[in-house]
């Protein structure tokens, strides 16, 4: 898979997790464990997204 394609997929999954977390938090009985797991997954996605963005964007030597 191309880094740009993977980056787009990860960003979409990150946005989807935002929606899932919001929906769980608005529920009558919020499942705190599930919310915590989704937030942890979201953080790991953010790390992977940052890594891929660094790989795609060339370093500029000043």
PDB file of N, CA and C in Angstrom:
ATOM      1  N   UNK A   1       0.848  -1.173   0.000  1.00  0.00           N
ATOM      2  CA  UNK A   1       0.000   0.000   0.000  1.00  0.00           C
ATOM      3  C   UNK A   1       0.898   1.243   0.000  1.00  0.00           C
ATOM      4  N   UNK A   2       0.541   2.187  -0.818  1.00  0.00           N
ATOM      5  CA  UNK A   2       1.286   3.435  -0.899  1.00  0.00           C
ATOM      6  C   UNK A   2       1.122   4.235   0.397  1.00  0.00           C
ATOM      7  N   UNK A   3       2.163   4.935   0.836  1.00  0.00           N
ATOM      8  CA  UNK A   3       2.051   5.738   2.060  1.00  0.00           C
ATOM      9  C   UNK A   3       0.910   6.757   2.004  1.00  0.00           C
ATOM     10  N   UNK A   4       0.695   7.377   0.861  1.00  0.00           N
ATOM     11  CA  UNK A   4      -0.380   8.366   0.751  1.00  0.00           C
ATOM     12  C   UNK A   4      -1.752   7.710   0.903  1.00  0.00           C
ATOM     13  N   UNK A   5      -1.913   6.506   0.349  1.00  0.00           N
ATOM     14  CA  UNK A   5      -3.179   5.779   0.476  1.00  0.00           C
ATOM     15  C   UNK A   5      -3.418   5.358   1.918  1.00  0.00           C
ATOM     16  N   UNK A   6      -2.361   4.856   2.546  1.00  0.00           N
ATOM     17  CA  UNK A   6      -2.482   4.448   3.949  1.00  0.00           C
ATOM     18  C   UNK A   6      -2.784   5.657   4.834  1.00  0.00           C
ATOM     19  N   UNK A   7      -2.161   6.781   4.525  1.00  0.00           N
ATOM     20  CA  UNK A   7      -2.393   8.005   5.276  1.00  0.00           C
ATOM     21  C   UNK A   7      -3.861   8.431   5.182  1.00  0.00           C
ATOM     22  N   UNK A   8      -4.416   8.388   3.997  1.00  0.00           N
ATOM     23  CA  UNK A   8      -5.828   8.751   3.809  1.00  0.00           C
ATOM     24  C   UNK A   8      -6.739   7.797   4.580  1.00  0.00           C
ATOM     25  N   UNK A   9      -6.424   6.501   4.542  1.00  0.00           N
ATOM     26  CA  UNK A   9      -7.228   5.512   5.264  1.00  0.00           C
ATOM     27  C   UNK A   9      -7.172   5.741   6.771  1.00  0.00           C
ATOM     28  N   UNK A  10      -5.971   6.019   7.279  1.00  0.00           N
ATOM     29  CA  UNK A  10      -5.808   6.243   8.713  1.00  0.00           C
ATOM     30  C   UNK A  10      -6.518   7.512   9.163  1.00  0.00           C
ATOM     31  N   UNK A  11      -6.463   8.564   8.344  1.00  0.00           N
ATOM     32  CA  UNK A  11      -7.163   9.797   8.694  1.00  0.00           C
ATOM     33  C   UNK A  11      -8.668   9.574   8.739  1.00  0.00           C
ATOM     34  N   UNK A  12      -9.187   8.765   7.807  1.00  0.00           N
ATOM     35  CA  UNK A  12     -10.616   8.461   7.812  1.00  0.00           C
ATOM     36  C   UNK A  12     -10.990   7.656   9.053  1.00  0.00           C
ATOM     37  N   UNK A  13     -10.176   6.686   9.398  1.00  0.00           N
ATOM     38  CA  UNK A  13     -10.442   5.883  10.604  1.00  0.00           C
ATOM     39  C   UNK A  13     -10.388   6.766  11.854  1.00  0.00           C
ATOM     40  N   UNK A  14      -9.460   7.713  11.884  1.00  0.00           N
ATOM     41  CA  UNK A  14      -9.332   8.639  13.010  1.00  0.00           C
ATOM     42  C   UNK A  14     -10.612   9.464  13.154  1.00  0.00           C
ATOM     43  N   UNK A  15     -11.148   9.972  12.022  1.00  0.00           N
ATOM     44  CA  UNK A  15     -12.400  10.738  12.049  1.00  0.00           C
ATOM     45  C   UNK A  15     -13.576   9.862  12.493  1.00  0.00           C
ATOM     46  N   UNK A  16     -13.589   8.605  12.026  1.00  0.00           N
ATOM     47  CA  UNK A  16     -14.649   7.684  12.412  1.00  0.00           C
ATOM     48  C   UNK A  16     -14.635   7.421  13.912  1.00  0.00           C
ATOM     49  N   UNK A  17     -13.436   7.309  14.481  1.00  0.00           N
ATOM     50  CA  UNK A  17     -13.328   7.095  15.927  1.00  0.00           C
ATOM     51  C   UNK A  17     -13.857   8.301  16.698  1.00  0.00           C
ATOM     52  N   UNK A  18     -13.641   9.513  16.174  1.00  0.00           N
ATOM     53  CA  UNK A  18     -14.205  10.708  16.805  1.00  0.00           C
ATOM     54  C   UNK A  18     -15.716  10.574  16.942  1.00  0.00           C
ATOM     55  N   UNK A  19     -16.354  10.164  15.858  1.00  0.00           N
ATOM     56  CA  UNK A  19     -17.807   9.999  15.870  1.00  0.00           C
ATOM     57  C   UNK A  19     -18.250   8.916  16.835  1.00  0.00           C
ATOM     58  N   UNK A  20     -17.534   7.812  16.863  1.00  0.00           N
ATOM     59  CA  UNK A  20     -17.887   6.705  17.754  1.00  0.00           C
ATOM     60  C   UNK A  20     -17.735   7.112  19.218  1.00  0.00           C
ATOM     61  N   UNK A  21     -16.664   7.828  19.529  1.00  0.00           N
ATOM     62  CA  UNK A  21     -16.438   8.284  20.906  1.00  0.00           C
ATOM     63  C   UNK A  21     -17.516   9.264  21.319  1.00  0.00           C
ATOM     64  N   UNK A  22     -17.849  10.205  20.449  1.00  0.00           N
ATOM     65  CA  UNK A  22     -18.909  11.169  20.748  1.00  0.00           C
ATOM     66  C   UNK A  22     -20.236  10.473  21.002  1.00  0.00           C
ATOM     67  N   UNK A  23     -20.564   9.485  20.177  1.00  0.00           N
ATOM     68  CA  UNK A  23     -21.820   8.761  20.342  1.00  0.00           C
ATOM     69  C   UNK A  23     -21.851   8.010  21.665  1.00  0.00           C
ATOM     70  N   UNK A  24     -20.744   7.389  22.029  1.00  0.00           N
ATOM     71  CA  UNK A  24     -20.696   6.657  23.293  1.00  0.00           C
ATOM     72  C   UNK A  24     -20.817   7.599  24.490  1.00  0.00           C
ATOM     73  N   UNK A  25     -20.183   8.757  24.403  1.00  0.00           N
ATOM     74  CA  UNK A  25     -20.230   9.707  25.518  1.00  0.00           C
ATOM     75  C   UNK A  25     -21.617  10.302  25.692  1.00  0.00           C
ATOM     76  N   UNK A  26     -22.378  10.385  24.614  1.00  0.00           N
ATOM     77  CA  UNK A  26     -23.730  10.940  24.699  1.00  0.00           C
ATOM     78  C   UNK A  26     -24.760   9.912  25.153  1.00  0.00           C
ATOM     79  N   UNK A  27     -24.381   8.654  25.178  1.00  0.00           N
ATOM     80  CA  UNK A  27     -25.301   7.600  25.573  1.00  0.00           C
ATOM     81  C   UNK A  27     -25.733   7.735  27.022  1.00  0.00           C
ATOM     82  N   UNK A  28     -26.877   7.133  27.327  1.00  0.00           N
ATOM     83  CA  UNK A  28     -27.420   7.188  28.693  1.00  0.00           C
ATOM     84  C   UNK A  28     -26.438   6.567  29.673  1.00  0.00           C
ATOM     85  N   UNK A  29     -25.940   5.408  29.340  1.00  0.00           N
ATOM     86  CA  UNK A  29     -24.954   4.729  30.177  1.00  0.00           C
ATOM     87  C   UNK A  29     -23.669   4.625  29.358  1.00  0.00           C
ATOM     88  N   UNK A  30     -22.767   5.553  29.591  1.00  0.00           N
ATOM     89  CA  UNK A  30     -21.523   5.581  28.840  1.00  0.00           C
ATOM     90  C   UNK A  30     -20.612   4.443  29.287  1.00  0.00           C
ATOM     91  N   UNK A  31     -20.126   3.683  28.346  1.00  0.00           N
ATOM     92  CA  UNK A  31     -19.204   2.578  28.618  1.00  0.00           C
ATOM     93  C   UNK A  31     -17.788   3.154  28.663  1.00  0.00           C
ATOM     94  N   UNK A  32     -17.333   3.482  29.857  1.00  0.00           N
ATOM     95  CA  UNK A  32     -16.044   4.155  30.020  1.00  0.00           C
ATOM     96  C   UNK A  32     -14.878   3.319  29.524  1.00  0.00           C
ATOM     97  N   UNK A  33     -14.954   2.014  29.704  1.00  0.00           N
ATOM     98  CA  UNK A  33     -13.870   1.144  29.240  1.00  0.00           C
ATOM     99  C   UNK A  33     -13.776   1.175  27.717  1.00  0.00           C
ATOM    100  N   UNK A  34     -14.917   1.090  27.047  1.00  0.00           N
ATOM    101  CA  UNK A  34     -14.933   1.139  25.588  1.00  0.00           C
ATOM    102  C   UNK A  34     -14.440   2.498  25.089  1.00  0.00           C
ATOM    103  N   UNK A  35     -14.860   3.575  25.738  1.00  0.00           N
ATOM    104  CA  UNK A  35     -14.415   4.918  25.360  1.00  0.00           C
ATOM    105  C   UNK A  35     -12.901   5.026  25.514  1.00  0.00           C
ATOM    106  N   UNK A  36     -12.392   4.501  26.610  1.00  0.00           N
ATOM    107  CA  UNK A  36     -10.941   4.542  26.859  1.00  0.00           C
ATOM    108  C   UNK A  36     -10.182   3.767  25.782  1.00  0.00           C
ATOM    109  N   UNK A  37     -10.704   2.618  25.385  1.00  0.00           N
ATOM    110  CA  UNK A  37     -10.053   1.819  24.342  1.00  0.00           C
ATOM    111  C   UNK A  37     -10.054   2.556  23.002  1.00  0.00           C
ATOM    112  N   UNK A  38     -11.181   3.189  22.672  1.00  0.00           N
ATOM    113  CA  UNK A  38     -11.257   3.928  21.420  1.00  0.00           C
ATOM    114  C   UNK A  38     -10.306   5.120  21.415  1.00  0.00           C
ATOM    115  N   UNK A  39     -10.193   5.792  22.537  1.00  0.00           N
ATOM    116  CA  UNK A  39      -9.277   6.935  22.623  1.00  0.00           C
ATOM    117  C   UNK A  39      -7.827   6.471  22.485  1.00  0.00           C
ATOM    118  N   UNK A  40      -7.509   5.324  23.055  1.00  0.00           N
ATOM    119  CA  UNK A  40      -6.148   4.786  22.940  1.00  0.00           C
ATOM    120  C   UNK A  40      -5.859   4.422  21.481  1.00  0.00           C
ATOM    121  N   UNK A  41      -6.832   3.823  20.807  1.00  0.00           N
ATOM    122  CA  UNK A  41      -6.671   3.482  19.392  1.00  0.00           C
ATOM    123  C   UNK A  41      -6.488   4.757  18.569  1.00  0.00           C
ATOM    124  N   UNK A  42      -7.253   5.790  18.910  1.00  0.00           N
ATOM    125  CA  UNK A  42      -7.169   7.069  18.203  1.00  0.00           C
ATOM    126  C   UNK A  42      -5.774   7.682  18.361  1.00  0.00           C
ATOM    127  N   UNK A  43      -5.201   7.593  19.550  1.00  0.00           N
ATOM    128  CA  UNK A  43      -3.849   8.110  19.772  1.00  0.00           C
ATOM    129  C   UNK A  43      -2.813   7.339  18.968  1.00  0.00           C
ATOM    130  N   UNK A  44      -2.969   6.032  18.895  1.00  0.00           N
ATOM    131  CA  UNK A  44      -2.009   5.246  18.118  1.00  0.00           C
ATOM    132  C   UNK A  44      -2.137   5.573  16.630  1.00  0.00           C
ATOM    133  N   UNK A  45      -3.365   5.831  16.168  1.00  0.00           N
ATOM    134  CA  UNK A  45      -3.547   6.251  14.784  1.00  0.00           C
ATOM    135  C   UNK A  45      -2.876   7.597  14.536  1.00  0.00           C
ATOM    136  N   UNK A  46      -3.012   8.515  15.485  1.00  0.00           N
ATOM    137  CA  UNK A  46      -2.403   9.842  15.343  1.00  0.00           C
ATOM    138  C   UNK A  46      -0.879   9.723  15.228  1.00  0.00           C
ATOM    139  N   UNK A  47      -0.290   8.818  16.018  1.00  0.00           N
ATOM    140  CA  UNK A  47       1.153   8.590  15.938  1.00  0.00           C
ATOM    141  C   UNK A  47       1.543   8.047  14.564  1.00  0.00           C
ATOM    142  N   UNK A  48       0.779   7.089  14.069  1.00  0.00           N
ATOM    143  CA  UNK A  48       1.070   6.491  12.757  1.00  0.00           C
ATOM    144  C   UNK A  48       0.894   7.532  11.646  1.00  0.00           C
ATOM    145  N   UNK A  49      -0.150   8.362  11.751  1.00  0.00           N
ATOM    146  CA  UNK A  49      -0.381   9.426  10.774  1.00  0.00           C
ATOM    147  C   UNK A  49       0.802  10.387  10.757  1.00  0.00           C
ATOM    148  N   UNK A  50       1.266  10.784  11.925  1.00  0.00           N
ATOM    149  CA  UNK A  50       2.412  11.692  12.012  1.00  0.00           C
ATOM    150  C   UNK A  50       3.653  11.076  11.384  1.00  0.00           C
ATOM    151  N   UNK A  51       3.873   9.803  11.641  1.00  0.00           N
ATOM    152  CA  UNK A  51       5.017   9.103  11.071  1.00  0.00           C
ATOM    153  C   UNK A  51       4.943   9.105   9.542  1.00  0.00           C
ATOM    154  N   UNK A  52       3.766   8.761   9.005  1.00  0.00           N
ATOM    155  CA  UNK A  52       3.620   8.711   7.553  1.00  0.00           C
ATOM    156  C   UNK A  52       3.764  10.090   6.928  1.00  0.00           C
ATOM    157  N   UNK A  53       3.223  11.103   7.582  1.00  0.00           N
ATOM    158  CA  UNK A  53       3.367  12.465   7.065  1.00  0.00           C
ATOM    159  C   UNK A  53       4.834  12.866   7.021  1.00  0.00           C
ATOM    160  N   UNK A  54       5.590  12.466   8.021  1.00  0.00           N
ATOM    161  CA  UNK A  54       7.030  12.747   8.034  1.00  0.00           C
ATOM    162  C   UNK A  54       7.752  12.005   6.908  1.00  0.00           C
ATOM    163  N   UNK A  55       7.312  10.797   6.590  1.00  0.00           N
ATOM    164  CA  UNK A  55       7.928  10.017   5.527  1.00  0.00           C
ATOM    165  C   UNK A  55       7.615  10.607   4.151  1.00  0.00           C
ATOM    166  N   UNK A  56       6.415  11.136   3.987  1.00  0.00           N
ATOM    167  CA  UNK A  56       5.991  11.683   2.704  1.00  0.00           C
ATOM    168  C   UNK A  56       6.620  13.041   2.438  1.00  0.00           C
ATOM    169  N   UNK A  57       6.669  13.872   3.474  1.00  0.00           N
ATOM    170  CA  UNK A  57       7.205  15.227   3.345  1.00  0.00           C
ATOM    171  C   UNK A  57       8.729  15.172   3.450  1.00  0.00           C
ATOM    172  N   UNK A  58       9.422  15.634   2.423  1.00  0.00           N
ATOM    173  CA  UNK A  58      10.893  15.589   2.483  1.00  0.00           C
ATOM    174  C   UNK A  58      11.437  16.600   3.491  1.00  0.00           C
ATOM    175  N   UNK A  59      12.534  16.228   4.099  1.00  0.00           N
ATOM    176  CA  UNK A  59      13.209  17.145   5.018  1.00  0.00           C
ATOM    177  C   UNK A  59      13.874  18.254   4.212  1.00  0.00           C
ATOM    178  N   UNK A  60      13.777  19.472   4.719  1.00  0.00           N
ATOM    179  CA  UNK A  60      14.421  20.604   4.082  1.00  0.00           C
ATOM    180  C   UNK A  60      15.633  20.983   4.924  1.00  0.00           C
ATOM    181  N   UNK A  61      16.794  20.881   4.318  1.00  0.00           N
ATOM    182  CA  UNK A  61      18.018  21.217   5.028  1.00  0.00           C
ATOM    183  C   UNK A  61      18.276  22.699   4.821  1.00  0.00           C
ATOM    184  N   UNK A  62      18.256  23.428   5.922  1.00  0.00           N
ATOM    185  CA  UNK A  62      18.449  24.879   5.827  1.00  0.00           C
ATOM    186  C   UNK A  62      19.886  25.260   6.031  1.00  0.00           C
TER     187      UNK A  62
END
